[in-house]
N, C-alpha and C. Protein backbone atom coordinates (compact mmCIF):
# COMPACT_ATOMS: atom_id res chain seq x y z
N MET A 1 -0.78 -7.06 12.46
CA MET A 1 0.33 -6.13 12.20
C MET A 1 0.05 -5.35 10.92
N LEU A 2 -0.45 -6.06 9.91
CA LEU A 2 -0.77 -5.37 8.66
C LEU A 2 -1.84 -4.32 8.90
N GLN A 3 -2.86 -4.67 9.67
CA GLN A 3 -3.94 -3.73 9.94
C GLN A 3 -3.40 -2.52 10.70
N ARG A 4 -2.50 -2.77 11.64
CA ARG A 4 -1.94 -1.68 12.43
C ARG A 4 -1.19 -0.70 11.53
N LYS A 5 -0.37 -1.22 10.66
CA LYS A 5 0.42 -0.37 9.77
C LYS A 5 -0.51 0.40 8.84
N ALA A 6 -1.55 -0.26 8.36
CA ALA A 6 -2.48 0.37 7.44
C ALA A 6 -3.18 1.54 8.11
N SER A 7 -3.57 1.36 9.37
CA SER A 7 -4.28 2.44 10.04
C SER A 7 -3.32 3.60 10.31
N LEU A 8 -2.05 3.29 10.52
CA LEU A 8 -1.06 4.36 10.73
C LEU A 8 -0.94 5.19 9.46
N LEU A 9 -1.01 4.52 8.31
CA LEU A 9 -0.91 5.22 7.04
C LEU A 9 -2.21 5.92 6.71
N GLY A 10 -3.27 5.59 7.44
CA GLY A 10 -4.56 6.20 7.16
C GLY A 10 -5.19 5.63 5.91
N GLN A 11 -4.83 4.41 5.57
CA GLN A 11 -5.35 3.78 4.36
C GLN A 11 -6.17 2.56 4.74
N PRO A 12 -7.07 2.11 3.86
CA PRO A 12 -7.85 0.89 4.11
C PRO A 12 -6.94 -0.32 4.25
N GLU A 13 -7.43 -1.34 4.92
CA GLU A 13 -6.62 -2.53 5.13
C GLU A 13 -6.21 -3.15 3.80
N PRO A 14 -4.92 -3.40 3.61
CA PRO A 14 -4.45 -4.05 2.39
C PRO A 14 -4.90 -5.50 2.35
N GLN A 15 -5.25 -5.98 1.17
CA GLN A 15 -5.72 -7.36 1.05
C GLN A 15 -4.54 -8.32 1.11
N THR A 16 -3.37 -7.85 0.70
CA THR A 16 -2.20 -8.72 0.69
C THR A 16 -0.98 -7.94 1.14
N GLN A 17 0.05 -8.64 1.52
CA GLN A 17 1.30 -7.98 1.93
C GLN A 17 1.88 -7.20 0.75
N GLN A 18 1.65 -7.70 -0.46
CA GLN A 18 2.18 -7.04 -1.64
C GLN A 18 1.58 -5.64 -1.75
N GLU A 19 0.27 -5.54 -1.53
CA GLU A 19 -0.38 -4.24 -1.62
C GLU A 19 0.23 -3.28 -0.61
N LEU A 20 0.50 -3.79 0.59
CA LEU A 20 1.06 -2.94 1.63
C LEU A 20 2.43 -2.42 1.21
N SER A 21 3.27 -3.29 0.69
CA SER A 21 4.61 -2.87 0.29
C SER A 21 4.53 -1.88 -0.86
N ILE A 22 3.58 -2.09 -1.76
CA ILE A 22 3.41 -1.17 -2.90
C ILE A 22 2.97 0.19 -2.41
N SER A 23 2.03 0.21 -1.45
CA SER A 23 1.51 1.48 -0.96
C SER A 23 2.58 2.20 -0.15
N SER A 24 3.47 1.44 0.49
CA SER A 24 4.52 2.05 1.30
C SER A 24 5.63 2.57 0.39
N ILE A 25 6.15 1.69 -0.46
CA ILE A 25 7.25 2.09 -1.35
C ILE A 25 7.05 1.45 -2.72
N PRO A 26 6.52 2.23 -3.66
CA PRO A 26 6.31 1.69 -5.01
C PRO A 26 7.63 1.26 -5.64
N SER A 27 7.67 0.07 -6.21
CA SER A 27 8.91 -0.42 -6.83
C SER A 27 9.12 0.26 -8.17
N THR A 28 8.02 0.57 -8.85
CA THR A 28 8.14 1.20 -10.16
C THR A 28 7.09 2.30 -10.31
N PRO A 29 7.34 3.26 -11.17
CA PRO A 29 6.38 4.35 -11.41
C PRO A 29 5.02 3.80 -11.82
N LYS A 30 5.02 2.68 -12.54
CA LYS A 30 3.77 2.07 -12.99
C LYS A 30 2.90 1.72 -11.78
N GLU A 31 3.51 1.12 -10.76
CA GLU A 31 2.74 0.73 -9.58
C GLU A 31 2.28 1.96 -8.83
N SER A 32 3.08 3.01 -8.86
CA SER A 32 2.70 4.25 -8.19
C SER A 32 1.45 4.83 -8.86
N LEU A 33 1.41 4.76 -10.18
CA LEU A 33 0.24 5.25 -10.92
C LEU A 33 -0.97 4.40 -10.59
N LYS A 34 -0.74 3.11 -10.42
CA LYS A 34 -1.84 2.19 -10.09
C LYS A 34 -2.54 2.64 -8.82
N LEU A 35 -1.75 3.05 -7.83
CA LEU A 35 -2.33 3.46 -6.55
C LEU A 35 -3.18 4.71 -6.74
N ARG A 36 -2.68 5.66 -7.53
CA ARG A 36 -3.40 6.93 -7.70
C ARG A 36 -4.63 6.76 -8.57
N ALA A 37 -4.56 5.80 -9.48
CA ALA A 37 -5.69 5.59 -10.40
C ALA A 37 -6.97 5.30 -9.66
């Protein structure tokens, strides 16, 4: 399921569910910057 969602987003497979949730909806601006970095 994680892989399916990741491919829908066009992103590499997340290593953890946390990464997936962060990439989908960042909880804080800091985490959003982490993704772009």
